[in-house]
């Protein structure tokens, strides 16, 4: 690869997307939202009415999946099968679907290969749950971003309201806690910090502080 890859992993609602996008913009890198890719697969599975316990059905879904990530003014623009699904995939329900489909080997293998292809030229900020451990284990700079579950639920609820979507704090908190458990307990590519990742607890840190901390660390390690 011609340039470094930076990975930012962490649980749902920790601020990965916002920080990753800002960091990529500051460095002039490409922002790779891997979570959006799994949400898109989850959306397609939901709309297709697939039985997620049937591996053959997932193979069929993946065979004709056309997925593209395009830069946007806010969140990444996600095009699936020629349609913009950027808003649809951001619901809490699609977050849970993403967690379910990402536990399946064929889905994980296809998304990992696609992510590695997208980052083949380097100079990428990759954000997700296994970017530093599985997708880009050789990344030069790795971060693990976390915050308390109540704080993450508060942020996620506010984010959904800003998008004009209905969101209940207690429901979001319960979903976040369940997803934390499911993502961390799964056998395949569980959510965890890479051994060489810099751990950041951003419960009481604002976005500019987290961004500056990462920039300083990258400069120290370069």
C-alpha atoms as a PDB file:
ATOM      1  CA  UNK A   1       0.000   0.000   0.000  1.00  0.00           C
ATOM      2  CA  UNK A   2       1.189   3.500  -0.800  1.00  0.00           C
ATOM      3  CA  UNK A   3       0.113   5.163   2.435  1.00  0.00           C
ATOM      4  CA  UNK A   4      -0.815   4.403   6.045  1.00  0.00           C
ATOM      5  CA  UNK A   5      -4.112   2.994   7.238  1.00  0.00           C
ATOM      6  CA  UNK A   6      -5.671   4.209  10.479  1.00  0.00           C
ATOM      7  CA  UNK A   7      -8.262   2.050  12.229  1.00  0.00           C
ATOM      8  CA  UNK A   8     -10.853   3.189  14.758  1.00  0.00           C
ATOM      9  CA  UNK A   9     -12.848   0.427  16.429  1.00  0.00           C
ATOM     10  CA  UNK A  10     -15.358   0.500  19.248  1.00  0.00           C
ATOM     11  CA  UNK A  11     -18.943  -0.215  20.258  1.00  0.00           C
ATOM     12  CA  UNK A  12     -22.104   1.353  18.885  1.00  0.00           C
ATOM     13  CA  UNK A  13     -22.573   5.022  19.737  1.00  0.00           C
ATOM     14  CA  UNK A  14     -18.997   5.676  20.840  1.00  0.00           C
ATOM     15  CA  UNK A  15     -18.549   8.427  18.262  1.00  0.00           C
ATOM     16  CA  UNK A  16     -16.458   6.433  15.805  1.00  0.00           C
ATOM     17  CA  UNK A  17     -18.209   7.709  12.691  1.00  0.00           C
ATOM     18  CA  UNK A  18     -17.978  11.389  13.589  1.00  0.00           C
ATOM     19  CA  UNK A  19     -14.352  11.186  14.715  1.00  0.00           C
ATOM     20  CA  UNK A  20     -13.299   9.014  11.766  1.00  0.00           C
ATOM     21  CA  UNK A  21     -14.855  11.393   9.260  1.00  0.00           C
ATOM     22  CA  UNK A  22     -13.207  14.434  10.875  1.00  0.00           C
ATOM     23  CA  UNK A  23      -9.840  12.699  11.129  1.00  0.00           C
ATOM     24  CA  UNK A  24      -9.964  11.628   7.491  1.00  0.00           C
ATOM     25  CA  UNK A  25     -10.867  15.159   6.450  1.00  0.00           C
ATOM     26  CA  UNK A  26      -8.037  16.662   8.507  1.00  0.00           C
ATOM     27  CA  UNK A  27      -5.468  14.261   7.042  1.00  0.00           C
ATOM     28  CA  UNK A  28      -6.852  14.256   3.495  1.00  0.00           C
ATOM     29  CA  UNK A  29      -7.551  10.510   3.740  1.00  0.00           C
ATOM     30  CA  UNK A  30     -10.474   8.388   2.557  1.00  0.00           C
ATOM     31  CA  UNK A  31     -13.086   7.584   5.206  1.00  0.00           C
ATOM     32  CA  UNK A  32     -14.174   3.917   5.166  1.00  0.00           C
ATOM     33  CA  UNK A  33     -17.380   3.309   7.141  1.00  0.00           C
ATOM     34  CA  UNK A  34     -17.384  -0.481   7.502  1.00  0.00           C
ATOM     35  CA  UNK A  35     -20.369  -0.430   9.864  1.00  0.00           C
ATOM     36  CA  UNK A  36     -22.526   1.093   7.132  1.00  0.00           C
ATOM     37  CA  UNK A  37     -21.705  -1.873   4.926  1.00  0.00           C
ATOM     38  CA  UNK A  38     -23.027  -4.375   7.466  1.00  0.00           C
ATOM     39  CA  UNK A  39     -26.095  -2.234   8.042  1.00  0.00           C
ATOM     40  CA  UNK A  40     -26.760  -2.308   4.302  1.00  0.00           C
ATOM     41  CA  UNK A  41     -26.527  -6.105   4.239  1.00  0.00           C
ATOM     42  CA  UNK A  42     -28.869  -6.199   7.229  1.00  0.00           C
ATOM     43  CA  UNK A  43     -31.334  -3.951   5.407  1.00  0.00           C
ATOM     44  CA  UNK A  44     -31.280  -6.150   2.340  1.00  0.00           C
ATOM     45  CA  UNK A  45     -31.800  -9.259   4.474  1.00  0.00           C
ATOM     46  CA  UNK A  46     -34.741  -7.626   6.258  1.00  0.00           C
ATOM     47  CA  UNK A  47     -36.404  -6.465   3.044  1.00  0.00           C
ATOM     48  CA  UNK A  48     -35.890  -9.890   1.466  1.00  0.00           C
ATOM     49  CA  UNK A  49     -37.501 -11.621   4.422  1.00  0.00           C
ATOM     50  CA  UNK A  50     -34.567 -14.015   4.670  1.00  0.00           C
ATOM     51  CA  UNK A  51     -34.253 -16.691   7.321  1.00  0.00           C
ATOM     52  CA  UNK A  52     -30.922 -15.770   8.885  1.00  0.00           C
ATOM     53  CA  UNK A  53     -30.543 -19.358  10.065  1.00  0.00           C
ATOM     54  CA  UNK A  54     -30.381 -20.506   6.438  1.00  0.00           C
ATOM     55  CA  UNK A  55     -26.810 -20.095   5.092  1.00  0.00           C
ATOM     56  CA  UNK A  56     -27.992 -20.786   1.544  1.00  0.00           C
ATOM     57  CA  UNK A  57     -30.279 -17.751   1.646  1.00  0.00           C
ATOM     58  CA  UNK A  58     -27.401 -15.532   2.728  1.00  0.00           C
ATOM     59  CA  UNK A  59     -25.237 -16.871  -0.095  1.00  0.00           C
ATOM     60  CA  UNK A  60     -27.941 -15.866  -2.584  1.00  0.00           C
ATOM     61  CA  UNK A  61     -28.243 -12.399  -1.006  1.00  0.00           C
ATOM     62  CA  UNK A  62     -24.500 -11.818  -1.207  1.00  0.00           C
ATOM     63  CA  UNK A  63     -24.179 -13.110  -4.770  1.00  0.00           C
ATOM     64  CA  UNK A  64     -26.072 -10.191  -6.297  1.00  0.00           C
ATOM     65  CA  UNK A  65     -25.188  -7.514  -3.732  1.00  0.00           C
ATOM     66  CA  UNK A  66     -24.106  -4.238  -5.340  1.00  0.00           C
ATOM     67  CA  UNK A  67     -22.693  -2.024  -2.594  1.00  0.00           C
ATOM     68  CA  UNK A  68     -20.894   1.313  -2.904  1.00  0.00           C
ATOM     69  CA  UNK A  69     -19.741   3.906  -0.393  1.00  0.00           C
ATOM     70  CA  UNK A  70     -19.593   7.495  -1.625  1.00  0.00           C
ATOM     71  CA  UNK A  71     -18.417  10.631   0.196  1.00  0.00           C
ATOM     72  CA  UNK A  72     -21.178  12.822   1.594  1.00  0.00           C
ATOM     73  CA  UNK A  73     -21.476  16.124   3.428  1.00  0.00           C
ATOM     74  CA  UNK A  74     -22.455  14.298   6.635  1.00  0.00           C
ATOM     75  CA  UNK A  75     -22.653  10.509   6.848  1.00  0.00           C
ATOM     76  CA  UNK A  76     -21.264   8.326   4.092  1.00  0.00           C
ATOM     77  CA  UNK A  77     -23.647   7.936   1.148  1.00  0.00           C
ATOM     78  CA  UNK A  78     -24.464   4.238   0.900  1.00  0.00           C
ATOM     79  CA  UNK A  79     -25.678   2.981  -2.463  1.00  0.00           C
ATOM     80  CA  UNK A  80     -27.108  -0.528  -2.520  1.00  0.00           C
ATOM     81  CA  UNK A  81     -28.356  -2.098  -5.744  1.00  0.00           C
ATOM     82  CA  UNK A  82     -28.403   1.354  -7.333  1.00  0.00           C
ATOM     83  CA  UNK A  83     -30.443   2.987  -4.556  1.00  0.00           C
ATOM     84  CA  UNK A  84     -29.422   5.432  -1.831  1.00  0.00           C
ATOM     85  CA  UNK A  85     -30.137   3.692   1.485  1.00  0.00           C
ATOM     86  CA  UNK A  86     -28.087   6.054   3.652  1.00  0.00           C
ATOM     87  CA  UNK A  87     -30.991   7.098   5.877  1.00  0.00           C
ATOM     88  CA  UNK A  88     -32.705   3.706   6.073  1.00  0.00           C
ATOM     89  CA  UNK A  89     -29.651   1.953   7.473  1.00  0.00           C
ATOM     90  CA  UNK A  90     -29.197   4.407  10.355  1.00  0.00           C
ATOM     91  CA  UNK A  91     -32.152   3.191  12.428  1.00  0.00           C
ATOM     92  CA  UNK A  92     -31.573   1.324  15.683  1.00  0.00           C
ATOM     93  CA  UNK A  93     -33.300  -1.708  14.172  1.00  0.00           C
ATOM     94  CA  UNK A  94     -30.772  -1.835  11.331  1.00  0.00           C
ATOM     95  CA  UNK A  95     -27.996  -1.611  13.877  1.00  0.00           C
ATOM     96  CA  UNK A  96     -29.316  -4.813  15.449  1.00  0.00           C
ATOM     97  CA  UNK A  97     -29.649  -6.429  12.009  1.00  0.00           C
ATOM     98  CA  UNK A  98     -26.052  -5.482  11.237  1.00  0.00           C
ATOM     99  CA  UNK A  99     -24.958  -7.254  14.409  1.00  0.00           C
ATOM    100  CA  UNK A 100     -26.867 -10.390  13.381  1.00  0.00           C
ATOM    101  CA  UNK A 101     -25.639 -10.668   9.784  1.00  0.00           C
ATOM    102  CA  UNK A 102     -22.053  -9.814  10.731  1.00  0.00           C
ATOM    103  CA  UNK A 103     -21.890 -12.992  12.813  1.00  0.00           C
ATOM    104  CA  UNK A 104     -22.109 -15.133   9.644  1.00  0.00           C
ATOM    105  CA  UNK A 105     -18.889 -16.250   7.988  1.00  0.00           C
ATOM    106  CA  UNK A 106     -19.904 -15.655   4.347  1.00  0.00           C
ATOM    107  CA  UNK A 107     -21.054 -12.107   5.128  1.00  0.00           C
ATOM    108  CA  UNK A 108     -17.930 -11.312   7.111  1.00  0.00           C
ATOM    109  CA  UNK A 109     -15.634 -12.764   4.433  1.00  0.00           C
ATOM    110  CA  UNK A 110     -17.272 -10.789   1.615  1.00  0.00           C
ATOM    111  CA  UNK A 111     -17.298  -7.502   3.533  1.00  0.00           C
ATOM    112  CA  UNK A 112     -13.693  -7.942   4.685  1.00  0.00           C
ATOM    113  CA  UNK A 113     -12.502  -8.594   1.136  1.00  0.00           C
ATOM    114  CA  UNK A 114     -14.451  -5.585  -0.133  1.00  0.00           C
ATOM    115  CA  UNK A 115     -13.053  -3.341   2.599  1.00  0.00           C
ATOM    116  CA  UNK A 116      -9.495  -4.447   1.903  1.00  0.00           C
ATOM    117  CA  UNK A 117     -10.037  -3.753  -1.802  1.00  0.00           C
ATOM    118  CA  UNK A 118     -11.393  -0.271  -1.052  1.00  0.00           C
ATOM    119  CA  UNK A 119      -8.290   0.494   1.027  1.00  0.00           C
ATOM    120  CA  UNK A 120      -5.781  -1.009  -1.393  1.00  0.00           C
ATOM    121  CA  UNK A 121      -4.098   2.359  -2.027  1.00  0.00           C
ATOM    122  CA  UNK A 122      -3.744   3.225   1.644  1.00  0.00           C
ATOM    123  CA  UNK A 123      -4.331   6.658   3.231  1.00  0.00           C
ATOM    124  CA  UNK A 124      -7.599   5.447   4.727  1.00  0.00           C
ATOM    125  CA  UNK A 125      -9.351   5.935   8.060  1.00  0.00           C
ATOM    126  CA  UNK A 126     -11.306   2.712   8.578  1.00  0.00           C
ATOM    127  CA  UNK A 127     -14.000   2.651  11.228  1.00  0.00           C
ATOM    128  CA  UNK A 128     -15.840  -0.365  12.609  1.00  0.00           C
ATOM    129  CA  UNK A 129     -15.575  -3.202  15.105  1.00  0.00           C
ATOM    130  CA  UNK A 130     -12.796  -5.392  13.731  1.00  0.00           C
ATOM    131  CA  UNK A 131     -10.792  -3.090  11.480  1.00  0.00           C
ATOM    132  CA  UNK A 132      -7.705  -3.199  13.684  1.00  0.00           C
ATOM    133  CA  UNK A 133      -7.944  -6.881  14.563  1.00  0.00           C
ATOM    134  CA  UNK A 134      -9.172  -8.648  11.405  1.00  0.00           C
ATOM    135  CA  UNK A 135      -9.517  -6.366   8.389  1.00  0.00           C
ATOM    136  CA  UNK A 136      -6.289  -4.357   8.700  1.00  0.00           C
ATOM    137  CA  UNK A 137      -4.143  -6.056  11.365  1.00  0.00           C
ATOM    138  CA  UNK A 138      -1.050  -4.393   9.924  1.00  0.00           C
ATOM    139  CA  UNK A 139      -2.452  -0.845  10.113  1.00  0.00           C
ATOM    140  CA  UNK A 140       0.141   1.689  11.232  1.00  0.00           C
ATOM    141  CA  UNK A 141      -2.154   3.517  13.677  1.00  0.00           C
ATOM    142  CA  UNK A 142      -4.934   1.862  15.672  1.00  0.00           C
ATOM    143  CA  UNK A 143      -7.447   3.339  18.106  1.00  0.00           C
ATOM    144  CA  UNK A 144     -10.235   1.859  20.221  1.00  0.00           C
ATOM    145  CA  UNK A 145     -12.923   4.386  21.119  1.00  0.00           C
ATOM    146  CA  UNK A 146     -15.310   3.717  23.988  1.00  0.00           C
ATOM    147  CA  UNK A 147     -17.798   5.459  26.287  1.00  0.00           C
ATOM    148  CA  UNK A 148     -20.272   4.353  28.940  1.00  0.00           C
ATOM    149  CA  UNK A 149     -23.469   2.715  27.657  1.00  0.00           C
ATOM    150  CA  UNK A 150     -25.754   5.472  29.086  1.00  0.00           C
ATOM    151  CA  UNK A 151     -23.655   8.172  27.418  1.00  0.00           C
ATOM    152  CA  UNK A 152     -23.684   6.298  24.110  1.00  0.00           C
ATOM    153  CA  UNK A 153     -27.467   5.843  24.319  1.00  0.00           C
ATOM    154  CA  UNK A 154     -27.876   9.564  24.972  1.00  0.00           C
ATOM    155  CA  UNK A 155     -25.764  10.461  21.935  1.00  0.00           C
ATOM    156  CA  UNK A 156     -27.481   7.924  19.695  1.00  0.00           C
ATOM    157  CA  UNK A 157     -30.948   9.124  20.697  1.00  0.00           C
ATOM    158  CA  UNK A 158     -29.991  12.721  19.925  1.00  0.00           C
ATOM    159  CA  UNK A 159     -28.491  11.683  16.582  1.00  0.00           C
ATOM    160  CA  UNK A 160     -31.667   9.875  15.516  1.00  0.00           C
ATOM    161  CA  UNK A 161     -33.800  12.850  16.541  1.00  0.00           C
ATOM    162  CA  UNK A 162     -31.594  15.116  14.414  1.00  0.00           C
ATOM    163  CA  UNK A 163     -32.296  12.807  11.474  1.00  0.00           C
ATOM    164  CA  UNK A 164     -36.022  13.225  12.073  1.00  0.00           C
ATOM    165  CA  UNK A 165     -36.431   9.685  13.365  1.00  0.00           C
ATOM    166  CA  UNK A 166     -38.338   8.527  16.441  1.00  0.00           C
ATOM    167  CA  UNK A 167     -36.093   7.284  19.223  1.00  0.00           C
ATOM    168  CA  UNK A 168     -36.684   6.342  22.863  1.00  0.00           C
ATOM    169  CA  UNK A 169     -33.698   6.602  25.198  1.00  0.00           C
ATOM    170  CA  UNK A 170     -34.520   3.522  27.295  1.00  0.00           C
ATOM    171  CA  UNK A 171     -35.089   1.406  24.187  1.00  0.00           C
ATOM    172  CA  UNK A 172     -31.845   2.629  22.638  1.00  0.00           C
ATOM    173  CA  UNK A 173     -29.950   1.899  25.868  1.00  0.00           C
ATOM    174  CA  UNK A 174     -31.324  -1.652  25.979  1.00  0.00           C
ATOM    175  CA  UNK A 175     -30.395  -2.193  22.319  1.00  0.00           C
ATOM    176  CA  UNK A 176     -26.873  -0.860  22.867  1.00  0.00           C
ATOM    177  CA  UNK A 177     -26.311  -3.132  25.858  1.00  0.00           C
ATOM    178  CA  UNK A 178     -27.597  -6.143  23.920  1.00  0.00           C
ATOM    179  CA  UNK A 179     -25.490  -5.316  20.896  1.00  0.00           C
ATOM    180  CA  UNK A 180     -22.413  -4.855  23.079  1.00  0.00           C
ATOM    181  CA  UNK A 181     -22.957  -8.343  24.448  1.00  0.00           C
ATOM    182  CA  UNK A 182     -23.728  -9.940  21.077  1.00  0.00           C
ATOM    183  CA  UNK A 183     -20.787  -8.292  19.294  1.00  0.00           C
ATOM    184  CA  UNK A 184     -18.323  -9.146  22.057  1.00  0.00           C
ATOM    185  CA  UNK A 185     -19.521 -12.718  22.633  1.00  0.00           C
ATOM    186  CA  UNK A 186     -19.670 -13.928  19.034  1.00  0.00           C
ATOM    187  CA  UNK A 187     -17.085 -16.449  17.926  1.00  0.00           C
ATOM    188  CA  UNK A 188     -16.346 -14.823  14.563  1.00  0.00           C
ATOM    189  CA  UNK A 189     -14.418 -11.519  14.701  1.00  0.00           C
ATOM    190  CA  UNK A 190     -15.683 -10.411  18.115  1.00  0.00           C
ATOM    191  CA  UNK A 191     -15.635  -6.779  19.137  1.00  0.00           C
ATOM    192  CA  UNK A 192     -12.387  -6.149  20.981  1.00  0.00           C
ATOM    193  CA  UNK A 193      -9.476  -3.753  20.976  1.00  0.00           C
ATOM    194  CA  UNK A 194      -6.389  -4.770  19.040  1.00  0.00           C
ATOM    195  CA  UNK A 195      -3.450  -5.512  21.317  1.00  0.00           C
ATOM    196  CA  UNK A 196      -1.556  -2.554  19.840  1.00  0.00           C
ATOM    197  CA  UNK A 197      -4.501  -0.127  19.761  1.00  0.00           C
ATOM    198  CA  UNK A 198      -4.586   3.104  21.754  1.00  0.00           C
ATOM    199  CA  UNK A 199      -7.641   2.953  24.025  1.00  0.00           C
ATOM    200  CA  UNK A 200      -9.657   6.192  24.398  1.00  0.00           C
ATOM    201  CA  UNK A 201     -12.508   6.595  26.896  1.00  0.00           C
ATOM    202  CA  UNK A 202     -14.488   9.497  25.496  1.00  0.00           C
ATOM    203  CA  UNK A 203     -17.346   9.438  28.029  1.00  0.00           C
ATOM    204  CA  UNK A 204     -16.317  12.889  29.265  1.00  0.00           C
ATOM    205  CA  UNK A 205     -14.308  14.044  26.237  1.00  0.00           C
ATOM    206  CA  UNK A 206     -15.777  16.243  23.532  1.00  0.00           C
ATOM    207  CA  UNK A 207     -15.159  15.680  19.830  1.00  0.00           C
ATOM    208  CA  UNK A 208     -12.388  18.300  19.377  1.00  0.00           C
ATOM    209  CA  UNK A 209     -10.469  16.819  22.336  1.00  0.00           C
ATOM    210  CA  UNK A 210     -10.665  13.273  20.969  1.00  0.00           C
ATOM    211  CA  UNK A 211      -9.656  14.440  17.504  1.00  0.00           C
ATOM    212  CA  UNK A 212      -6.658  16.358  18.818  1.00  0.00           C
ATOM    213  CA  UNK A 213      -5.572  13.413  20.971  1.00  0.00           C
ATOM    214  CA  UNK A 214      -5.577  11.148  17.900  1.00  0.00           C
ATOM    215  CA  UNK A 215      -3.693  13.659  15.767  1.00  0.00           C
ATOM    216  CA  UNK A 216      -1.044  14.013  18.455  1.00  0.00           C
ATOM    217  CA  UNK A 217      -0.654  10.240  18.750  1.00  0.00           C
ATOM    218  CA  UNK A 218      -0.365   9.831  14.975  1.00  0.00           C
ATOM    219  CA  UNK A 219       2.359  12.480  14.843  1.00  0.00           C
ATOM    220  CA  UNK A 220       4.223  10.779  17.703  1.00  0.00           C
ATOM    221  CA  UNK A 221       4.091   7.396  15.957  1.00  0.00           C
ATOM    222  CA  UNK A 222       4.974   8.633  12.474  1.00  0.00           C
END
